[in-house]
N, C-alpha and C. Protein backbone atom coordinates (compact mmCIF):
# COMPACT_ATOMS: atom_id res chain seq x y z
N MET A 1 -34.84 25.72 -47.30
CA MET A 1 -34.27 24.45 -46.47
C MET A 1 -34.57 22.97 -47.92
N SER A 2 -33.91 22.72 -47.65
CA SER A 2 -34.19 21.90 -49.08
C SER A 2 -34.78 20.11 -48.58
N ASP A 3 -35.56 19.75 -49.73
CA ASP A 3 -36.20 18.22 -49.34
C ASP A 3 -35.24 17.68 -49.65
N ALA A 4 -34.38 17.27 -50.41
CA ALA A 4 -33.36 16.02 -50.07
C ALA A 4 -32.60 15.34 -48.50
N ILE A 5 -32.44 14.75 -48.19
CA ILE A 5 -31.75 14.21 -46.89
C ILE A 5 -30.81 14.77 -47.41
N SER A 6 -29.93 15.09 -46.81
CA SER A 6 -28.46 15.01 -46.42
C SER A 6 -27.92 13.11 -45.59
N GLN A 7 -27.56 12.47 -47.14
CA GLN A 7 -26.68 11.27 -47.09
C GLN A 7 -25.10 11.72 -46.36
N PRO A 8 -24.94 11.07 -44.72
CA PRO A 8 -23.34 11.09 -44.82
C PRO A 8 -22.68 10.36 -46.01
N ASP A 9 -21.33 10.88 -45.97
CA ASP A 9 -19.87 10.38 -47.56
C ASP A 9 -20.13 9.17 -46.87
N GLU A 10 -19.95 7.81 -47.48
CA GLU A 10 -19.52 6.30 -47.00
C GLU A 10 -18.52 6.00 -46.62
N VAL A 11 -17.93 5.21 -45.79
CA VAL A 11 -16.43 5.64 -46.05
C VAL A 11 -16.60 2.96 -45.96
N VAL A 12 -15.07 3.04 -46.60
CA VAL A 12 -14.69 1.70 -46.50
C VAL A 12 -13.69 1.50 -46.36
N THR A 13 -13.48 0.11 -45.71
CA THR A 13 -12.17 -0.53 -46.05
C THR A 13 -12.18 -1.20 -46.77
N LEU A 14 -9.97 -0.90 -47.54
CA LEU A 14 -9.52 -0.81 -48.32
C LEU A 14 -10.06 -2.28 -49.35
N SER A 15 -10.12 -2.85 -48.96
CA SER A 15 -10.85 -4.65 -49.92
C SER A 15 -11.90 -4.35 -49.82
N GLU A 16 -12.93 -3.41 -49.49
CA GLU A 16 -14.39 -2.91 -50.36
C GLU A 16 -13.78 -1.59 -51.26
N LEU A 17 -12.63 -1.04 -51.25
CA LEU A 17 -12.98 0.33 -52.15
C LEU A 17 -12.00 -0.87 -53.85
N ALA A 18 -11.20 -1.69 -52.81
CA ALA A 18 -10.89 -3.06 -53.84
C ALA A 18 -11.20 -3.72 -55.33
N GLU A 19 -11.78 -4.13 -54.49
CA GLU A 19 -13.66 -4.34 -55.04
C GLU A 19 -14.09 -3.59 -55.72
N ARG A 20 -14.67 -2.83 -55.33
CA ARG A 20 -16.16 -1.87 -56.20
C ARG A 20 -14.71 -0.70 -56.63
N ARG A 21 -13.27 -0.49 -57.49
CA ARG A 21 -12.84 0.17 -58.41
C ARG A 21 -12.02 -0.22 -59.25
N LYS A 22 -12.20 -1.65 -58.38
CA LYS A 22 -11.46 -3.12 -59.71
C LYS A 22 -10.13 -2.70 -59.82
N LEU A 23 -9.36 -2.47 -58.44
CA LEU A 23 -8.12 -2.08 -57.45
C LEU A 23 -7.20 -3.20 -56.79
N LYS A 24 -6.04 -2.93 -57.11
CA LYS A 24 -5.41 -4.26 -57.27
C LYS A 24 -5.26 -4.10 -54.95
N LEU A 25 -5.05 -4.47 -54.07
CA LEU A 25 -5.67 -4.66 -52.82
C LEU A 25 -4.03 -3.83 -52.37
N SER A 26 -3.93 -4.86 -52.98
CA SER A 26 -1.61 -5.10 -52.40
C SER A 26 -1.35 -3.09 -52.67
N TRP A 27 -1.66 -2.43 -54.02
CA TRP A 27 -1.66 -1.13 -54.71
C TRP A 27 -2.03 -0.59 -53.32
N LEU A 28 -3.38 -0.43 -53.46
CA LEU A 28 -4.24 0.37 -52.07
C LEU A 28 -3.19 0.87 -50.84
N TYR A 29 -3.04 -1.07 -50.29
CA TYR A 29 -1.98 -0.49 -48.58
C TYR A 29 -0.83 -0.43 -49.01
N GLU A 30 0.36 -0.61 -50.15
CA GLU A 30 1.30 0.23 -50.11
C GLU A 30 1.06 2.30 -49.91
N ARG A 31 -0.58 2.53 -51.56
CA ARG A 31 -0.18 3.73 -50.71
C ARG A 31 -1.06 4.60 -49.77
N SER A 32 -1.41 4.00 -48.52
CA SER A 32 -1.37 3.81 -47.60
C SER A 32 -1.21 4.28 -46.10
N ARG A 33 -0.05 3.11 -46.48
CA ARG A 33 1.29 3.48 -45.92
C ARG A 33 2.10 4.81 -45.81
N PHE A 34 1.85 5.21 -47.03
CA PHE A 34 2.55 7.07 -47.17
C PHE A 34 1.48 7.44 -46.54
N GLY A 35 0.13 7.65 -46.43
CA GLY A 35 -0.66 8.50 -47.15
C GLY A 35 -0.89 9.53 -47.50
N LYS A 36 -1.22 8.07 -48.81
CA LYS A 36 -1.95 9.03 -50.47
C LYS A 36 -2.52 8.55 -51.05
N LEU A 37 -3.15 8.10 -50.29
CA LEU A 37 -4.62 7.52 -50.58
C LEU A 37 -5.70 9.30 -50.52
N PRO A 38 -6.51 9.06 -51.35
CA PRO A 38 -7.50 10.84 -51.11
C PRO A 38 -8.35 10.56 -50.48
N GLY A 39 -9.44 11.15 -49.65
CA GLY A 39 -10.25 10.87 -48.49
C GLY A 39 -9.36 9.35 -46.97
N GLN A 40 -8.69 9.09 -47.57
CA GLN A 40 -8.41 8.00 -46.39
C GLN A 40 -8.30 8.80 -44.80
N ARG A 41 -8.50 8.37 -44.42
CA ARG A 41 -8.34 8.26 -42.34
C ARG A 41 -7.84 6.79 -41.93
N LYS A 42 -7.50 7.04 -40.95
CA LYS A 42 -7.11 5.66 -40.31
C LYS A 42 -7.64 6.28 -38.76
N TYR A 43 -8.18 4.62 -38.14
CA TYR A 43 -8.98 4.72 -36.70
C TYR A 43 -8.67 4.22 -35.77
N GLY A 44 -7.05 4.32 -35.07
CA GLY A 44 -5.59 3.75 -34.49
C GLY A 44 -5.49 3.05 -35.91
N ARG A 45 -5.06 1.41 -35.99
CA ARG A 45 -4.65 0.89 -37.15
C ARG A 45 -5.51 0.38 -38.15
N HIS A 46 -6.44 0.72 -38.09
CA HIS A 46 -7.28 0.85 -39.00
C HIS A 46 -7.10 1.30 -39.89
N VAL A 47 -7.59 1.48 -41.39
CA VAL A 47 -7.45 2.73 -42.51
C VAL A 47 -8.90 2.21 -43.09
N ARG A 48 -9.47 3.13 -43.34
CA ARG A 48 -11.06 3.80 -44.48
C ARG A 48 -11.04 5.28 -45.13
N VAL A 49 -11.06 4.94 -45.96
CA VAL A 49 -11.73 5.64 -47.04
C VAL A 49 -13.14 5.99 -47.24
N VAL A 50 -13.37 7.53 -47.69
CA VAL A 50 -14.58 7.98 -47.55
C VAL A 50 -14.09 8.09 -48.75
N LEU A 51 -15.44 7.51 -49.74
CA LEU A 51 -15.55 6.81 -51.60
C LEU A 51 -15.46 8.38 -52.19
N SER A 52 -16.77 9.35 -51.51
CA SER A 52 -16.27 10.57 -52.66
C SER A 52 -15.62 11.59 -52.70
N GLU A 53 -14.69 11.12 -51.55
CA GLU A 53 -13.56 12.00 -51.67
C GLU A 53 -11.98 11.26 -52.04
N PHE A 54 -12.56 10.27 -52.33
CA PHE A 54 -11.43 8.81 -53.19
C PHE A 54 -11.99 8.70 -55.21
N ASP A 55 -13.10 9.20 -55.01
CA ASP A 55 -13.48 9.37 -56.50
C ASP A 55 -12.95 10.39 -56.68
N GLN A 56 -13.11 11.93 -55.82
CA GLN A 56 -12.88 13.35 -56.39
C GLN A 56 -11.17 13.12 -57.13
N GLY A 57 -10.95 12.29 -56.01
CA GLY A 57 -9.10 12.42 -55.72
C GLY A 57 -8.32 11.97 -57.48
N ALA A 58 -9.76 10.84 -57.62
CA ALA A 58 -9.22 10.20 -58.86
C ALA A 58 -9.19 10.84 -60.14
N LYS A 59 -10.69 11.70 -60.09
CA LYS A 59 -10.88 12.63 -61.25
C LYS A 59 -10.07 13.49 -62.05
N GLU A 60 -9.82 13.97 -60.40
CA GLU A 60 -8.05 14.99 -60.13
C GLU A 60 -7.07 14.47 -60.39
N GLY A 61 -7.04 13.35 -60.38
CA GLY A 61 -5.57 12.49 -61.27
C GLY A 61 -4.37 12.50 -59.92
N VAL A 62 -4.73 12.31 -58.02
CA VAL A 62 -4.17 12.48 -57.76
C VAL A 62 -3.64 11.13 -57.24
N LEU A 63 -4.16 10.19 -57.62
CA LEU A 63 -3.96 8.36 -57.92
C LEU A 63 -2.38 8.18 -58.48
N ALA A 64 -1.58 8.85 -59.53
CA ALA A 64 -1.08 8.50 -60.67
C ALA A 64 0.39 8.10 -59.85
N ALA A 65 0.78 7.19 -60.03
CA ALA A 65 1.99 6.38 -59.56
C ALA A 65 2.80 7.55 -59.73
């Protein structure tokens, strides 16, 4: 068994994601409308993004326009 305490993946709003990753909020909203953001989750009408999945998608080139 590992000594490390497992942390849940951080889930952020689109506004927080835009600020942290220096992206345009309007671009994130546009991508989210079509379900094209890695790690995107919808909770009712609210969109959240799992930060680790978003970063992995960015590394793999999923965000290319």
